[in-house]
Amino acid sequence: MTDLHIVIPIYPLVTHLDFTGPHQVLSRAPGAKVIVASKGGQDIASDGLVFTGLADLAKIDRCDVICIPGGFGTTDAMLDEDFMREVRRLASQATYLTSVCTGSLVLAATGLIRGKRAACHWQWRALLEPFGVIVDEGRVVRDGNVITGGGVTAGLDFAFTLAAELAGPEAAQAIQLGLEYSPAPPFDAGRPETAPPEILARVRQRFDGVVAERRGAAEEAARRLAAWA
């Protein structure tokens, strides 16, 4: 692999682990150049951190891989026509269309993964349906050139899967060993199917405040997509 360009578009209220995890892995892939970009190259605040020195999405001619992270800002990003225009432009010519967490909603809003299987954070999977995307509960899901990861930490498994695709399994395993990625979580509470009921209820309650807003944004983005198509 030589000179392979990976673009990660970010936006306000992105979840930083959604892209910093994959960035750490993919930046070590031989020949890969990872570019983190935003609308107008603006600084992006995320969970107490500010990301600066970002590329301007509109000034990036093309990419081989586009990787869209998720976050609470997904709701606004799907309806930001300037941001979506640049994401759609880059994604339409990319070899691989990829995402982590609710980044698959933004990817779906481009109209480029209709009829494809895709992963998403467990709380928001159903919001892929208005875009004609097939919901898949997998942690990492591949459908042709579309590779998507589930919620947040799935971005690491996604990144190793993508690294293996781009640079080969041996290169991916070498990166894994270098980063000592050997997860052994202290609790089996990382999926709604395994979390204790009281923990699941607590987390669902935390999401309650944004459910209606995000569902409305997804439906509006799907309506715009249908009108645009």
C-alpha atoms as a PDB file:
ATOM      1  CA  MET A   1       0.000   0.000   0.000  1.00  0.00           C
ATOM      2  CA  THR A   2       1.400   3.356  -1.014  1.00  0.00           C
ATOM      3  CA  ASP A   3       0.096   6.840  -0.454  1.00  0.00           C
ATOM      4  CA  LEU A   4      -3.353   5.785   0.635  1.00  0.00           C
ATOM      5  CA  HIS A   5      -5.417   8.736   1.845  1.00  0.00           C
ATOM      6  CA  ILE A   6      -7.834   8.240   4.737  1.00  0.00           C
ATOM      7  CA  VAL A   7     -10.081  11.183   5.593  1.00  0.00           C
ATOM      8  CA  ILE A   8     -11.911  11.444   8.922  1.00  0.00           C
ATOM      9  CA  PRO A   9     -14.508  14.257   8.857  1.00  0.00           C
ATOM     10  CA  ILE A  10     -15.374  15.536  12.338  1.00  0.00           C
ATOM     11  CA  TYR A  11     -17.966  17.984  13.593  1.00  0.00           C
ATOM     12  CA  PRO A  12     -19.025  19.653  16.872  1.00  0.00           C
ATOM     13  CA  LEU A  13     -19.910  17.184  19.665  1.00  0.00           C
ATOM     14  CA  VAL A  14     -18.255  14.252  17.926  1.00  0.00           C
ATOM     15  CA  THR A  15     -17.255  11.447  20.307  1.00  0.00           C
ATOM     16  CA  HIS A  16     -13.481  11.676  20.232  1.00  0.00           C
ATOM     17  CA  LEU A  17     -12.755   7.984  20.867  1.00  0.00           C
ATOM     18  CA  ASP A  18     -14.806   7.207  17.755  1.00  0.00           C
ATOM     19  CA  PHE A  19     -12.004   8.669  15.662  1.00  0.00           C
ATOM     20  CA  THR A  20      -8.912   8.849  17.872  1.00  0.00           C
ATOM     21  CA  GLY A  21      -8.967   5.062  18.360  1.00  0.00           C
ATOM     22  CA  PRO A  22      -9.103   4.306  14.622  1.00  0.00           C
ATOM     23  CA  HIS A  23      -6.683   7.183  13.939  1.00  0.00           C
ATOM     24  CA  GLN A  24      -4.106   5.632  16.276  1.00  0.00           C
ATOM     25  CA  VAL A  25      -4.349   2.277  14.495  1.00  0.00           C
ATOM     26  CA  LEU A  26      -4.613   3.491  10.908  1.00  0.00           C
ATOM     27  CA  SER A  27      -1.843   6.080  11.226  1.00  0.00           C
ATOM     28  CA  ARG A  28       0.539   3.140  11.783  1.00  0.00           C
ATOM     29  CA  ALA A  29      -0.571   1.286   8.647  1.00  0.00           C
ATOM     30  CA  PRO A  30       2.237   1.268   6.031  1.00  0.00           C
ATOM     31  CA  GLY A  31       1.745   3.960   3.399  1.00  0.00           C
ATOM     32  CA  ALA A  32      -1.383   5.421   4.973  1.00  0.00           C
ATOM     33  CA  LYS A  33      -1.905   9.152   5.372  1.00  0.00           C
ATOM     34  CA  VAL A  34      -4.711   9.969   7.815  1.00  0.00           C
ATOM     35  CA  ILE A  35      -6.284  13.405   7.533  1.00  0.00           C
ATOM     36  CA  VAL A  36      -8.710  14.735  10.139  1.00  0.00           C
ATOM     37  CA  ALA A  37     -10.864  17.484   8.656  1.00  0.00           C
ATOM     38  CA  SER A  38     -13.782  19.728   9.559  1.00  0.00           C
ATOM     39  CA  LYS A  39     -16.022  22.215   7.816  1.00  0.00           C
ATOM     40  CA  GLY A  40     -13.854  25.237   7.072  1.00  0.00           C
ATOM     41  CA  GLY A  41     -11.003  23.677   9.064  1.00  0.00           C
ATOM     42  CA  GLN A  42     -12.655  24.962  12.241  1.00  0.00           C
ATOM     43  CA  ASP A  43     -11.536  23.774  15.668  1.00  0.00           C
ATOM     44  CA  ILE A  44     -13.786  21.073  17.089  1.00  0.00           C
ATOM     45  CA  ALA A  45     -14.648  20.676  20.785  1.00  0.00           C
ATOM     46  CA  SER A  46     -15.360  17.163  21.999  1.00  0.00           C
ATOM     47  CA  ASP A  47     -15.921  15.937  25.556  1.00  0.00           C
ATOM     48  CA  GLY A  48     -13.544  18.466  27.121  1.00  0.00           C
ATOM     49  CA  LEU A  49     -10.894  18.338  24.377  1.00  0.00           C
ATOM     50  CA  VAL A  50     -10.406  20.753  21.482  1.00  0.00           C
ATOM     51  CA  PHE A  51      -9.011  19.472  18.185  1.00  0.00           C
ATOM     52  CA  THR A  52      -7.165  22.086  16.190  1.00  0.00           C
ATOM     53  CA  GLY A  53      -4.983  22.297  13.075  1.00  0.00           C
ATOM     54  CA  LEU A  54      -7.647  20.431  11.112  1.00  0.00           C
ATOM     55  CA  ALA A  55      -7.849  20.272   7.332  1.00  0.00           C
ATOM     56  CA  ASP A  56     -10.672  22.030   5.499  1.00  0.00           C
ATOM     57  CA  LEU A  57     -13.041  19.408   4.103  1.00  0.00           C
ATOM     58  CA  ALA A  58     -13.802  21.542   1.057  1.00  0.00           C
ATOM     59  CA  LYS A  59     -10.105  21.688   0.125  1.00  0.00           C
ATOM     60  CA  ILE A  60      -9.578  17.919   0.069  1.00  0.00           C
ATOM     61  CA  ASP A  61      -9.784  16.736  -3.535  1.00  0.00           C
ATOM     62  CA  ARG A  62     -10.317  13.033  -2.936  1.00  0.00           C
ATOM     63  CA  CYS A  63      -9.674  10.145  -0.601  1.00  0.00           C
ATOM     64  CA  ASP A  64      -9.352   6.374  -0.776  1.00  0.00           C
ATOM     65  CA  VAL A  65     -11.125   5.832   2.542  1.00  0.00           C
ATOM     66  CA  ILE A  66     -13.649   8.022   4.308  1.00  0.00           C
ATOM     67  CA  CYS A  67     -14.268   7.205   7.972  1.00  0.00           C
ATOM     68  CA  ILE A  68     -17.093   9.028   9.732  1.00  0.00           C
ATOM     69  CA  PRO A  69     -17.208   8.967  13.546  1.00  0.00           C
ATOM     70  CA  GLY A  70     -20.355   9.368  15.615  1.00  0.00           C
ATOM     71  CA  GLY A  71     -21.356  11.369  18.652  1.00  0.00           C
ATOM     72  CA  PHE A  72     -24.174  13.507  19.981  1.00  0.00           C
ATOM     73  CA  GLY A  73     -23.360  16.003  17.223  1.00  0.00           C
ATOM     74  CA  THR A  74     -24.581  13.503  14.638  1.00  0.00           C
ATOM     75  CA  THR A  75     -28.060  15.003  14.976  1.00  0.00           C
ATOM     76  CA  ASP A  76     -26.915  18.398  13.673  1.00  0.00           C
ATOM     77  CA  ALA A  77     -24.314  17.014  11.266  1.00  0.00           C
ATOM     78  CA  MET A  78     -26.941  15.066   9.273  1.00  0.00           C
ATOM     79  CA  LEU A  79     -28.831  18.327   8.668  1.00  0.00           C
ATOM     80  CA  ASP A  80     -25.800  20.528   7.972  1.00  0.00           C
ATOM     81  CA  GLU A  81     -26.066  20.834   4.201  1.00  0.00           C
ATOM     82  CA  ASP A  82     -22.561  22.281   3.754  1.00  0.00           C
ATOM     83  CA  PHE A  83     -20.977  19.496   5.786  1.00  0.00           C
ATOM     84  CA  MET A  84     -23.045  16.791   4.086  1.00  0.00           C
ATOM     85  CA  ARG A  85     -22.219  18.132   0.613  1.00  0.00           C
ATOM     86  CA  GLU A  86     -18.485  17.701   1.257  1.00  0.00           C
ATOM     87  CA  VAL A  87     -18.918  14.296   2.897  1.00  0.00           C
ATOM     88  CA  ARG A  88     -21.066  13.094  -0.022  1.00  0.00           C
ATOM     89  CA  ARG A  89     -18.539  14.431  -2.552  1.00  0.00           C
ATOM     90  CA  LEU A  90     -15.615  12.624  -0.939  1.00  0.00           C
ATOM     91  CA  ALA A  91     -17.557   9.453  -0.214  1.00  0.00           C
ATOM     92  CA  SER A  92     -18.851   9.206  -3.792  1.00  0.00           C
ATOM     93  CA  GLN A  93     -15.329   8.647  -5.113  1.00  0.00           C
ATOM     94  CA  ALA A  94     -13.780   6.767  -2.171  1.00  0.00           C
ATOM     95  CA  THR A  95     -12.835   3.103  -2.492  1.00  0.00           C
ATOM     96  CA  TYR A  96     -14.037   2.337   1.048  1.00  0.00           C
ATOM     97  CA  LEU A  97     -16.992   3.899   2.865  1.00  0.00           C
ATOM     98  CA  THR A  98     -16.583   3.446   6.595  1.00  0.00           C
ATOM     99  CA  SER A  99     -17.905   4.671   9.924  1.00  0.00           C
ATOM    100  CA  VAL A 100     -17.877   4.146  13.669  1.00  0.00           C
ATOM    101  CA  CYS A 101     -20.886   4.309  15.999  1.00  0.00           C
ATOM    102  CA  THR A 102     -23.569   6.787  14.839  1.00  0.00           C
ATOM    103  CA  GLY A 103     -21.239   7.902  12.072  1.00  0.00           C
ATOM    104  CA  SER A 104     -23.160   5.317  10.028  1.00  0.00           C
ATOM    105  CA  LEU A 105     -26.185   7.656  10.213  1.00  0.00           C
ATOM    106  CA  VAL A 106     -24.155  10.397   8.527  1.00  0.00           C
ATOM    107  CA  LEU A 107     -22.876   7.867   5.994  1.00  0.00           C
ATOM    108  CA  ALA A 108     -26.460   6.706   5.401  1.00  0.00           C
ATOM    109  CA  ALA A 109     -27.571  10.306   4.879  1.00  0.00           C
ATOM    110  CA  THR A 110     -25.269  10.519   1.844  1.00  0.00           C
ATOM    111  CA  GLY A 111     -27.489   7.958   0.109  1.00  0.00           C
ATOM    112  CA  LEU A 112     -24.441   5.886  -0.818  1.00  0.00           C
ATOM    113  CA  ILE A 113     -25.099   2.860   1.391  1.00  0.00           C
ATOM    114  CA  ARG A 114     -28.779   2.256   0.640  1.00  0.00           C
ATOM    115  CA  GLY A 115     -29.440  -1.480   0.558  1.00  0.00           C
ATOM    116  CA  LYS A 116     -26.184  -2.222   2.411  1.00  0.00           C
ATOM    117  CA  ARG A 117     -25.783  -3.761   5.852  1.00  0.00           C
ATOM    118  CA  ALA A 118     -24.315  -1.439   8.478  1.00  0.00           C
ATOM    119  CA  ALA A 119     -23.565  -1.329  12.189  1.00  0.00           C
ATOM    120  CA  CYS A 120     -24.391   1.470  14.601  1.00  0.00           C
ATOM    121  CA  HIS A 121     -24.466   2.117  18.343  1.00  0.00           C
ATOM    122  CA  TRP A 122     -27.093  -0.217  19.859  1.00  0.00           C
ATOM    123  CA  GLN A 123     -29.344   2.646  20.971  1.00  0.00           C
ATOM    124  CA  TRP A 124     -29.605   4.171  17.490  1.00  0.00           C
ATOM    125  CA  ARG A 125     -29.565   1.248  15.040  1.00  0.00           C
ATOM    126  CA  ALA A 126     -33.208   1.632  14.051  1.00  0.00           C
ATOM    127  CA  LEU A 127     -32.499   5.130  12.742  1.00  0.00           C
ATOM    128  CA  LEU A 128     -30.662   3.578   9.794  1.00  0.00           C
ATOM    129  CA  GLU A 129     -33.951   2.191   8.468  1.00  0.00           C
ATOM    130  CA  PRO A 130     -35.406   5.458   7.031  1.00  0.00           C
ATOM    131  CA  PHE A 131     -32.332   5.611   4.773  1.00  0.00           C
ATOM    132  CA  GLY A 132     -32.952   2.144   3.352  1.00  0.00           C
ATOM    133  CA  VAL A 133     -29.934   0.707   5.182  1.00  0.00           C
ATOM    134  CA  ILE A 134     -30.114  -2.829   6.576  1.00  0.00           C
ATOM    135  CA  VAL A 135     -29.473  -2.829  10.324  1.00  0.00           C
ATOM    136  CA  ASP A 136     -26.826  -5.314  11.455  1.00  0.00           C
ATOM    137  CA  GLU A 137     -26.098  -5.879  15.149  1.00  0.00           C
ATOM    138  CA  GLY A 138     -22.487  -6.930  14.517  1.00  0.00           C
ATOM    139  CA  ARG A 139     -19.562  -5.207  16.192  1.00  0.00           C
ATOM    140  CA  VAL A 140     -17.830  -4.826  12.829  1.00  0.00           C
ATOM    141  CA  VAL A 141     -19.905  -5.254   9.683  1.00  0.00           C
ATOM    142  CA  ARG A 142     -18.670  -5.514   6.113  1.00  0.00           C
ATOM    143  CA  ASP A 143     -20.870  -5.329   3.038  1.00  0.00           C
ATOM    144  CA  GLY A 144     -18.723  -4.965  -0.064  1.00  0.00           C
ATOM    145  CA  ASN A 145     -16.745  -1.741   0.220  1.00  0.00           C
ATOM    146  CA  VAL A 146     -18.800  -0.576   3.222  1.00  0.00           C
ATOM    147  CA  ILE A 147     -17.139  -1.348   6.574  1.00  0.00           C
ATOM    148  CA  THR A 148     -18.820  -0.071   9.724  1.00  0.00           C
ATOM    149  CA  GLY A 149     -18.213  -0.405  13.458  1.00  0.00           C
ATOM    150  CA  GLY A 150     -20.746  -0.458  16.282  1.00  0.00           C
ATOM    151  CA  GLY A 151     -20.647   1.846  19.289  1.00  0.00           C
ATOM    152  CA  VAL A 152     -17.509   3.810  20.239  1.00  0.00           C
ATOM    153  CA  THR A 153     -15.005   1.136  21.347  1.00  0.00           C
ATOM    154  CA  ALA A 154     -15.957  -1.030  18.375  1.00  0.00           C
ATOM    155  CA  GLY A 155     -13.912   1.545  16.466  1.00  0.00           C
ATOM    156  CA  LEU A 156     -10.753  -0.285  17.512  1.00  0.00           C
ATOM    157  CA  ASP A 157     -11.921  -3.659  16.182  1.00  0.00           C
ATOM    158  CA  PHE A 158     -13.124  -1.841  13.077  1.00  0.00           C
ATOM    159  CA  ALA A 159      -9.734  -0.174  12.645  1.00  0.00           C
ATOM    160  CA  PHE A 160      -7.804  -3.452  12.817  1.00  0.00           C
ATOM    161  CA  THR A 161     -10.239  -4.980  10.319  1.00  0.00           C
ATOM    162  CA  LEU A 162      -9.686  -2.046   7.963  1.00  0.00           C
ATOM    163  CA  ALA A 163      -5.905  -2.104   8.509  1.00  0.00           C
ATOM    164  CA  ALA A 164      -5.871  -5.776   7.525  1.00  0.00           C
ATOM    165  CA  GLU A 165      -7.863  -4.937   4.389  1.00  0.00           C
ATOM    166  CA  LEU A 166      -5.529  -2.108   3.426  1.00  0.00           C
ATOM    167  CA  ALA A 167      -2.127  -3.460   4.459  1.00  0.00           C
ATOM    168  CA  GLY A 168      -2.652  -7.173   5.059  1.00  0.00           C
ATOM    169  CA  PRO A 169      -3.311  -9.282   8.182  1.00  0.00           C
ATOM    170  CA  GLU A 170       0.363  -9.411   9.208  1.00  0.00           C
ATOM    171  CA  ALA A 171       0.680  -5.626   9.223  1.00  0.00           C
ATOM    172  CA  ALA A 172      -2.554  -5.341  11.218  1.00  0.00           C
ATOM    173  CA  GLN A 173      -1.367  -7.889  13.757  1.00  0.00           C
ATOM    174  CA  ALA A 174       1.966  -6.086  14.115  1.00  0.00           C
ATOM    175  CA  ILE A 175       0.099  -2.850  14.867  1.00  0.00           C
ATOM    176  CA  GLN A 176      -2.113  -4.715  17.349  1.00  0.00           C
ATOM    177  CA  LEU A 177       0.918  -6.093  19.167  1.00  0.00           C
ATOM    178  CA  GLY A 178       2.667  -2.724  19.142  1.00  0.00           C
ATOM    179  CA  LEU A 179      -0.381  -1.141  20.766  1.00  0.00           C
ATOM    180  CA  GLU A 180      -0.839  -4.165  23.080  1.00  0.00           C
ATOM    181  CA  TYR A 181      -4.489  -4.399  22.139  1.00  0.00           C
ATOM    182  CA  SER A 182      -5.631  -7.379  24.196  1.00  0.00           C
ATOM    183  CA  PRO A 183      -8.933  -6.324  25.742  1.00  0.00           C
ATOM    184  CA  ALA A 184     -10.093  -7.943  28.964  1.00  0.00           C
ATOM    185  CA  PRO A 185     -12.902  -5.726  30.300  1.00  0.00           C
ATOM    186  CA  PRO A 186     -13.555  -5.842  34.063  1.00  0.00           C
ATOM    187  CA  PHE A 187     -17.318  -6.048  33.510  1.00  0.00           C
ATOM    188  CA  ASP A 188     -19.521  -7.832  30.984  1.00  0.00           C
ATOM    189  CA  ALA A 189     -21.741  -4.790  30.585  1.00  0.00           C
ATOM    190  CA  GLY A 190     -20.725  -3.582  27.148  1.00  0.00           C
ATOM    191  CA  ARG A 191     -23.845  -4.756  25.303  1.00  0.00           C
ATOM    192  CA  PRO A 192     -27.531  -4.349  26.219  1.00  0.00           C
ATOM    193  CA  GLU A 193     -27.876  -8.130  26.075  1.00  0.00           C
ATOM    194  CA  THR A 194     -25.271  -8.662  28.791  1.00  0.00           C
ATOM    195  CA  ALA A 195     -25.541  -5.547  30.977  1.00  0.00           C
ATOM    196  CA  PRO A 196     -27.428  -5.846  34.284  1.00  0.00           C
ATOM    197  CA  PRO A 197     -31.036  -4.629  33.828  1.00  0.00           C
ATOM    198  CA  GLU A 198     -30.593  -1.709  36.230  1.00  0.00           C
ATOM    199  CA  ILE A 199     -27.507  -0.503  34.318  1.00  0.00           C
ATOM    200  CA  LEU A 200     -29.329  -0.785  31.005  1.00  0.00           C
ATOM    201  CA  ALA A 201     -32.249   1.204  32.418  1.00  0.00           C
ATOM    202  CA  ARG A 202     -29.881   3.906  33.705  1.00  0.00           C
ATOM    203  CA  VAL A 203     -28.179   4.297  30.327  1.00  0.00           C
ATOM    204  CA  ARG A 204     -31.451   4.299  28.403  1.00  0.00           C
ATOM    205  CA  GLN A 205     -32.711   7.043  30.723  1.00  0.00           C
ATOM    206  CA  ARG A 206     -29.606   9.083  29.929  1.00  0.00           C
ATOM    207  CA  PHE A 207     -30.431   8.854  26.222  1.00  0.00           C
ATOM    208  CA  ASP A 208     -34.120   9.706  26.685  1.00  0.00           C
ATOM    209  CA  GLY A 209     -33.556  13.430  26.262  1.00  0.00           C
ATOM    210  CA  VAL A 210     -32.171  13.116  22.744  1.00  0.00           C
ATOM    211  CA  VAL A 211     -34.193  10.214  21.325  1.00  0.00           C
ATOM    212  CA  ALA A 212     -36.990  12.301  19.796  1.00  0.00           C
ATOM    213  CA  GLU A 213     -34.625  14.961  18.478  1.00  0.00           C
ATOM    214  CA  ARG A 214     -32.306  12.466  16.825  1.00  0.00           C
ATOM    215  CA  ARG A 215     -35.161  10.448  15.362  1.00  0.00           C
ATOM    216  CA  GLY A 216     -36.591  13.673  13.916  1.00  0.00           C
ATOM    217  CA  ALA A 217     -33.208  14.610  12.444  1.00  0.00           C
ATOM    218  CA  ALA A 218     -32.815  11.181  10.832  1.00  0.00           C
ATOM    219  CA  GLU A 219     -36.300  11.356   9.319  1.00  0.00           C
ATOM    220  CA  GLU A 220     -35.676  14.885   8.015  1.00  0.00           C
ATOM    221  CA  ALA A 221     -32.285  13.893   6.568  1.00  0.00           C
ATOM    222  CA  ALA A 222     -33.939  10.898   4.862  1.00  0.00           C
ATOM    223  CA  ARG A 223     -36.663  13.175   3.468  1.00  0.00           C
ATOM    224  CA  ARG A 224     -34.047  15.587   2.089  1.00  0.00           C
ATOM    225  CA  LEU A 225     -32.140  12.683   0.576  1.00  0.00           C
ATOM    226  CA  ALA A 226     -35.255  11.390  -1.163  1.00  0.00           C
ATOM    227  CA  ALA A 227     -36.009  14.874  -2.539  1.00  0.00           C
ATOM    228  CA  TRP A 228     -32.388  15.345  -3.650  1.00  0.00           C
ATOM    229  CA  ALA A 229     -32.248  11.931  -5.354  1.00  0.00           C
END
